[in-house]
Structure formats: structure tokens, C-alpha cells
Amino acid sequence: MNIRTLLPIMKKYEVCPKCGSTTIGNGEGGIVVEDNFYIRTCKCGFKITVDGNGRKINS
């Protein structure tokens, strides 16, 4: 994924919109970045996948 596309997405999902958590790792949440998508998960069950064009694939 292009860094110019990735940075605004990461900023948007830095704080979990469901519970407000900012913690990543140790079972608290996670981030996966691949060529064509970005996934943000949270301990509360929130999960979002965003494609390389910035569109939500699921929420």
C-alpha cells in the first residue's frame, strides 16, 4: 500500500471508534498492512478492512 494512502487511514483508525482504545499488541488489538489492504482490530471486537483506494471492505 502506498504510504500516502496509508497514513490518513492509520490516523483515522488510530483510536478504536467502538471503545476508544489506542493499544496495539499483546491481545489488545492489531494492525495488518499488505499491498492491497489495511486491517485494524481491537480487543472489543471492532475490525475494519480498508482497500488500497481507502474504501471500507467490511466494518
PDB file of N, CA and C in Angstrom:
ATOM      1  N   MET A   1       0.851  -1.167   0.000  1.00  0.00           N
ATOM      2  CA  MET A   1       0.000   0.000   0.000  1.00  0.00           C
ATOM      3  C   MET A   1       0.897   1.231   0.000  1.00  0.00           C
ATOM      4  N   ASN A   2       0.519   2.207  -0.752  1.00  0.00           N
ATOM      5  CA  ASN A   2       1.238   3.468  -0.857  1.00  0.00           C
ATOM      6  C   ASN A   2       1.190   4.218   0.473  1.00  0.00           C
ATOM      7  N   ILE A   3       2.316   4.766   0.907  1.00  0.00           N
ATOM      8  CA  ILE A   3       2.379   5.465   2.192  1.00  0.00           C
ATOM      9  C   ILE A   3       1.447   6.677   2.228  1.00  0.00           C
ATOM     10  N   ARG A   4       1.247   7.327   1.110  1.00  0.00           N
ATOM     11  CA  ARG A   4       0.336   8.489   1.063  1.00  0.00           C
ATOM     12  C   ARG A   4      -1.115   8.076   1.260  1.00  0.00           C
ATOM     13  N   THR A   5      -1.429   6.873   0.890  1.00  0.00           N
ATOM     14  CA  THR A   5      -2.764   6.329   1.134  1.00  0.00           C
ATOM     15  C   THR A   5      -2.871   5.806   2.561  1.00  0.00           C
ATOM     16  N   LEU A   6      -1.814   5.163   3.030  1.00  0.00           N
ATOM     17  CA  LEU A   6      -1.821   4.508   4.332  1.00  0.00           C
ATOM     18  C   LEU A   6      -1.900   5.481   5.511  1.00  0.00           C
ATOM     19  N   LEU A   7      -1.142   6.559   5.488  1.00  0.00           N
ATOM     20  CA  LEU A   7      -1.085   7.457   6.646  1.00  0.00           C
ATOM     21  C   LEU A   7      -2.441   8.028   7.061  1.00  0.00           C
ATOM     22  N   PRO A   8      -3.266   8.536   6.136  1.00  0.00           N
ATOM     23  CA  PRO A   8      -4.587   9.026   6.572  1.00  0.00           C
ATOM     24  C   PRO A   8      -5.484   7.920   7.138  1.00  0.00           C
ATOM     25  N   ILE A   9      -5.367   6.708   6.593  1.00  0.00           N
ATOM     26  CA  ILE A   9      -6.162   5.584   7.093  1.00  0.00           C
ATOM     27  C   ILE A   9      -5.722   5.232   8.510  1.00  0.00           C
ATOM     28  N   MET A  10      -4.405   5.177   8.729  1.00  0.00           N
ATOM     29  CA  MET A  10      -3.892   4.861  10.065  1.00  0.00           C
ATOM     30  C   MET A  10      -4.321   5.917  11.079  1.00  0.00           C
ATOM     31  N   LYS A  11      -4.283   7.177  10.683  1.00  0.00           N
ATOM     32  CA  LYS A  11      -4.703   8.252  11.588  1.00  0.00           C
ATOM     33  C   LYS A  11      -6.188   8.124  11.921  1.00  0.00           C
ATOM     34  N   LYS A  12      -6.994   7.799  10.921  1.00  0.00           N
ATOM     35  CA  LYS A  12      -8.438   7.671  11.125  1.00  0.00           C
ATOM     36  C   LYS A  12      -8.779   6.563  12.118  1.00  0.00           C
ATOM     37  N   TYR A  13      -8.039   5.448  12.073  1.00  0.00           N
ATOM     38  CA  TYR A  13      -8.333   4.301  12.928  1.00  0.00           C
ATOM     39  C   TYR A  13      -7.321   4.124  14.055  1.00  0.00           C
ATOM     40  N   GLU A  14      -6.542   5.170  14.359  1.00  0.00           N
ATOM     41  CA  GLU A  14      -5.599   5.130  15.484  1.00  0.00           C
ATOM     42  C   GLU A  14      -6.326   4.846  16.792  1.00  0.00           C
ATOM     43  N   VAL A  15      -7.472   5.489  16.965  1.00  0.00           N
ATOM     44  CA  VAL A  15      -8.326   5.279  18.136  1.00  0.00           C
ATOM     45  C   VAL A  15      -9.515   4.437  17.689  1.00  0.00           C
ATOM     46  N   CYS A  16      -9.779   3.351  18.398  1.00  0.00           N
ATOM     47  CA  CYS A  16     -10.911   2.491  18.059  1.00  0.00           C
ATOM     48  C   CYS A  16     -12.205   3.293  18.162  1.00  0.00           C
ATOM     49  N   PRO A  17     -12.995   3.354  17.087  1.00  0.00           N
ATOM     50  CA  PRO A  17     -14.248   4.107  17.132  1.00  0.00           C
ATOM     51  C   PRO A  17     -15.315   3.465  18.021  1.00  0.00           C
ATOM     52  N   LYS A  18     -15.123   2.201  18.368  1.00  0.00           N
ATOM     53  CA  LYS A  18     -16.105   1.496  19.192  1.00  0.00           C
ATOM     54  C   LYS A  18     -15.857   1.701  20.688  1.00  0.00           C
ATOM     55  N   CYS A  19     -14.575   1.589  21.130  1.00  0.00           N
ATOM     56  CA  CYS A  19     -14.296   1.668  22.574  1.00  0.00           C
ATOM     57  C   CYS A  19     -13.277   2.739  22.963  1.00  0.00           C
ATOM     58  N   GLY A  20     -12.610   3.345  21.973  1.00  0.00           N
ATOM     59  CA  GLY A  20     -11.649   4.401  22.270  1.00  0.00           C
ATOM     60  C   GLY A  20     -10.239   3.927  22.576  1.00  0.00           C
ATOM     61  N   SER A  21      -9.976   2.640  22.479  1.00  0.00           N
ATOM     62  CA  SER A  21      -8.646   2.099  22.772  1.00  0.00           C
ATOM     63  C   SER A  21      -7.638   2.520  21.705  1.00  0.00           C
ATOM     64  N   THR A  22      -6.414   2.793  22.139  1.00  0.00           N
ATOM     65  CA  THR A  22      -5.318   3.096  21.216  1.00  0.00           C
ATOM     66  C   THR A  22      -4.228   2.027  21.275  1.00  0.00           C
ATOM     67  N   THR A  23      -4.452   0.974  22.048  1.00  0.00           N
ATOM     68  CA  THR A  23      -3.434  -0.046  22.279  1.00  0.00           C
ATOM     69  C   THR A  23      -3.413  -1.086  21.161  1.00  0.00           C
ATOM     70  N   ILE A  24      -2.194  -1.430  20.732  1.00  0.00           N
ATOM     71  CA  ILE A  24      -1.974  -2.450  19.712  1.00  0.00           C
ATOM     72  C   ILE A  24      -1.009  -3.476  20.296  1.00  0.00           C
ATOM     73  N   GLY A  25      -1.264  -4.757  20.068  1.00  0.00           N
ATOM     74  CA  GLY A  25      -0.357  -5.817  20.521  1.00  0.00           C
ATOM     75  C   GLY A  25      -0.794  -6.438  21.831  1.00  0.00           C
ATOM     76  N   ASN A  26      -0.188  -7.558  22.179  1.00  0.00           N
ATOM     77  CA  ASN A  26      -0.473  -8.291  23.413  1.00  0.00           C
ATOM     78  C   ASN A  26      -1.958  -8.591  23.607  1.00  0.00           C
ATOM     79  N   GLY A  27      -2.641  -8.935  22.528  1.00  0.00           N
ATOM     80  CA  GLY A  27      -4.053  -9.280  22.616  1.00  0.00           C
ATOM     81  C   GLY A  27      -4.990  -8.092  22.725  1.00  0.00           C
ATOM     82  N   GLU A  28      -4.451  -6.885  22.637  1.00  0.00           N
ATOM     83  CA  GLU A  28      -5.261  -5.673  22.785  1.00  0.00           C
ATOM     84  C   GLU A  28      -5.792  -5.151  21.454  1.00  0.00           C
ATOM     85  N   GLY A  29      -5.210  -5.576  20.362  1.00  0.00           N
ATOM     86  CA  GLY A  29      -5.609  -5.112  19.047  1.00  0.00           C
ATOM     87  C   GLY A  29      -4.473  -5.323  18.078  1.00  0.00           C
ATOM     88  N   GLY A  30      -4.719  -5.039  16.808  1.00  0.00           N
ATOM     89  CA  GLY A  30      -3.667  -5.260  15.831  1.00  0.00           C
ATOM     90  C   GLY A  30      -3.846  -4.455  14.567  1.00  0.00           C
ATOM     91  N   ILE A  31      -2.763  -4.394  13.805  1.00  0.00           N
ATOM     92  CA  ILE A  31      -2.754  -3.739  12.502  1.00  0.00           C
ATOM     93  C   ILE A  31      -2.039  -4.672  11.531  1.00  0.00           C
ATOM     94  N   VAL A  32      -2.643  -4.863  10.371  1.00  0.00           N
ATOM     95  CA  VAL A  32      -2.020  -5.625   9.292  1.00  0.00           C
ATOM     96  C   VAL A  32      -2.027  -4.730   8.065  1.00  0.00           C
ATOM     97  N   VAL A  33      -0.860  -4.558   7.450  1.00  0.00           N
ATOM     98  CA  VAL A  33      -0.756  -3.766   6.225  1.00  0.00           C
ATOM     99  C   VAL A  33      -0.178  -4.666   5.141  1.00  0.00           C
ATOM    100  N   GLU A  34      -0.912  -4.806   4.063  1.00  0.00           N
ATOM    101  CA  GLU A  34      -0.467  -5.577   2.903  1.00  0.00           C
ATOM    102  C   GLU A  34      -0.502  -4.657   1.686  1.00  0.00           C
ATOM    103  N   ASP A  35      -0.128  -5.193   0.533  1.00  0.00           N
ATOM    104  CA  ASP A  35      -0.101  -4.379  -0.684  1.00  0.00           C
ATOM    105  C   ASP A  35      -1.451  -3.768  -1.023  1.00  0.00           C
ATOM    106  N   ASN A  36      -2.527  -4.512  -0.802  1.00  0.00           N
ATOM    107  CA  ASN A  36      -3.843  -4.062  -1.256  1.00  0.00           C
ATOM    108  C   ASN A  36      -4.854  -3.795  -0.155  1.00  0.00           C
ATOM    109  N   PHE A  37      -4.461  -3.923   1.115  1.00  0.00           N
ATOM    110  CA  PHE A  37      -5.429  -3.657   2.172  1.00  0.00           C
ATOM    111  C   PHE A  37      -4.766  -3.351   3.501  1.00  0.00           C
ATOM    112  N   TYR A  38      -5.578  -2.786   4.401  1.00  0.00           N
ATOM    113  CA  TYR A  38      -5.184  -2.433   5.767  1.00  0.00           C
ATOM    114  C   TYR A  38      -6.255  -2.999   6.686  1.00  0.00           C
ATOM    115  N   ILE A  39      -5.861  -3.682   7.752  1.00  0.00           N
ATOM    116  CA  ILE A  39      -6.813  -4.233   8.717  1.00  0.00           C
ATOM    117  C   ILE A  39      -6.467  -3.693  10.097  1.00  0.00           C
ATOM    118  N   ARG A  40      -7.469  -3.177  10.804  1.00  0.00           N
ATOM    119  CA  ARG A  40      -7.301  -2.718  12.191  1.00  0.00           C
ATOM    120  C   ARG A  40      -8.287  -3.496  13.038  1.00  0.00           C
ATOM    121  N   THR A  41      -7.785  -4.146  14.093  1.00  0.00           N
ATOM    122  CA  THR A  41      -8.643  -4.881  15.016  1.00  0.00           C
ATOM    123  C   THR A  41      -8.474  -4.325  16.420  1.00  0.00           C
ATOM    124  N   CYS A  42      -9.443  -4.625  17.289  1.00  0.00           N
ATOM    125  CA  CYS A  42      -9.404  -4.158  18.668  1.00  0.00           C
ATOM    126  C   CYS A  42      -9.925  -5.256  19.592  1.00  0.00           C
ATOM    127  N   LYS A  43      -9.523  -5.180  20.845  1.00  0.00           N
ATOM    128  CA  LYS A  43      -9.941  -6.160  21.853  1.00  0.00           C
ATOM    129  C   LYS A  43     -11.451  -6.191  22.043  1.00  0.00           C
ATOM    130  N   CYS A  44     -12.138  -5.097  21.731  1.00  0.00           N
ATOM    131  CA  CYS A  44     -13.586  -5.016  21.919  1.00  0.00           C
ATOM    132  C   CYS A  44     -14.362  -5.743  20.819  1.00  0.00           C
ATOM    133  N   GLY A  45     -13.645  -6.208  19.781  1.00  0.00           N
ATOM    134  CA  GLY A  45     -14.300  -6.906  18.681  1.00  0.00           C
ATOM    135  C   GLY A  45     -14.381  -6.089  17.409  1.00  0.00           C
ATOM    136  N   PHE A  46     -14.014  -4.819  17.478  1.00  0.00           N
ATOM    137  CA  PHE A  46     -14.008  -3.974  16.285  1.00  0.00           C
ATOM    138  C   PHE A  46     -13.004  -4.509  15.277  1.00  0.00           C
ATOM    139  N   LYS A  47     -13.402  -4.520  14.003  1.00  0.00           N
ATOM    140  CA  LYS A  47     -12.497  -4.910  12.922  1.00  0.00           C
ATOM    141  C   LYS A  47     -12.891  -4.142  11.675  1.00  0.00           C
ATOM    142  N   ILE A  48     -11.914  -3.543  11.031  1.00  0.00           N
ATOM    143  CA  ILE A  48     -12.159  -2.835   9.779  1.00  0.00           C
ATOM    144  C   ILE A  48     -11.096  -3.250   8.778  1.00  0.00           C
ATOM    145  N   THR A  49     -11.506  -3.452   7.548  1.00  0.00           N
ATOM    146  CA  THR A  49     -10.584  -3.717   6.451  1.00  0.00           C
ATOM    147  C   THR A  49     -10.802  -2.631   5.415  1.00  0.00           C
ATOM    148  N   VAL A  50      -9.711  -1.988   5.011  1.00  0.00           N
ATOM    149  CA  VAL A  50      -9.769  -0.893   4.047  1.00  0.00           C
ATOM    150  C   VAL A  50      -8.884  -1.270   2.868  1.00  0.00           C
ATOM    151  N   ASP A  51      -9.382  -1.058   1.645  1.00  0.00           N
ATOM    152  CA  ASP A  51      -8.589  -1.410   0.468  1.00  0.00           C
ATOM    153  C   ASP A  51      -7.590  -0.308   0.123  1.00  0.00           C
ATOM    154  N   GLY A  52      -6.792  -0.532  -0.893  1.00  0.00           N
ATOM    155  CA  GLY A  52      -5.756   0.406  -1.304  1.00  0.00           C
ATOM    156  C   GLY A  52      -6.271   1.731  -1.813  1.00  0.00           C
ATOM    157  N   ASN A  53      -7.576   1.820  -2.079  1.00  0.00           N
ATOM    158  CA  ASN A  53      -8.189   3.076  -2.512  1.00  0.00           C
ATOM    159  C   ASN A  53      -8.846   3.816  -1.358  1.00  0.00           C
ATOM    160  N   GLY A  54      -8.706   3.290  -0.141  1.00  0.00           N
ATOM    161  CA  GLY A  54      -9.287   3.940   1.032  1.00  0.00           C
ATOM    162  C   GLY A  54     -10.741   3.585   1.287  1.00  0.00           C
ATOM    163  N   ARG A  55     -11.272   2.594   0.556  1.00  0.00           N
ATOM    164  CA  ARG A  55     -12.671   2.190   0.735  1.00  0.00           C
ATOM    165  C   ARG A  55     -12.778   1.050   1.732  1.00  0.00           C
ATOM    166  N   LYS A  56     -13.797   1.106   2.581  1.00  0.00           N
ATOM    167  CA  LYS A  56     -14.044   0.040   3.550  1.00  0.00           C
ATOM    168  C   LYS A  56     -14.489  -1.216   2.821  1.00  0.00           C
ATOM    169  N   ILE A  57     -13.886  -2.331   3.189  1.00  0.00           N
ATOM    170  CA  ILE A  57     -14.308  -3.622   2.651  1.00  0.00           C
ATOM    171  C   ILE A  57     -15.324  -4.245   3.598  1.00  0.00           C
ATOM    172  N   ASN A  58     -15.109  -4.074   4.908  1.00  0.00           N
ATOM    173  CA  ASN A  58     -16.080  -4.508   5.918  1.00  0.00           C
ATOM    174  C   ASN A  58     -15.902  -3.643   7.149  1.00  0.00           C
ATOM    175  N   SER A  59     -16.845  -3.715   8.059  1.00  0.00           N
ATOM    176  CA  SER A  59     -16.708  -2.952   9.312  1.00  0.00           C
ATOM    177  C   SER A  59     -17.437  -3.672  10.416  1.00  0.00           C
TER     178      SER A  59
END
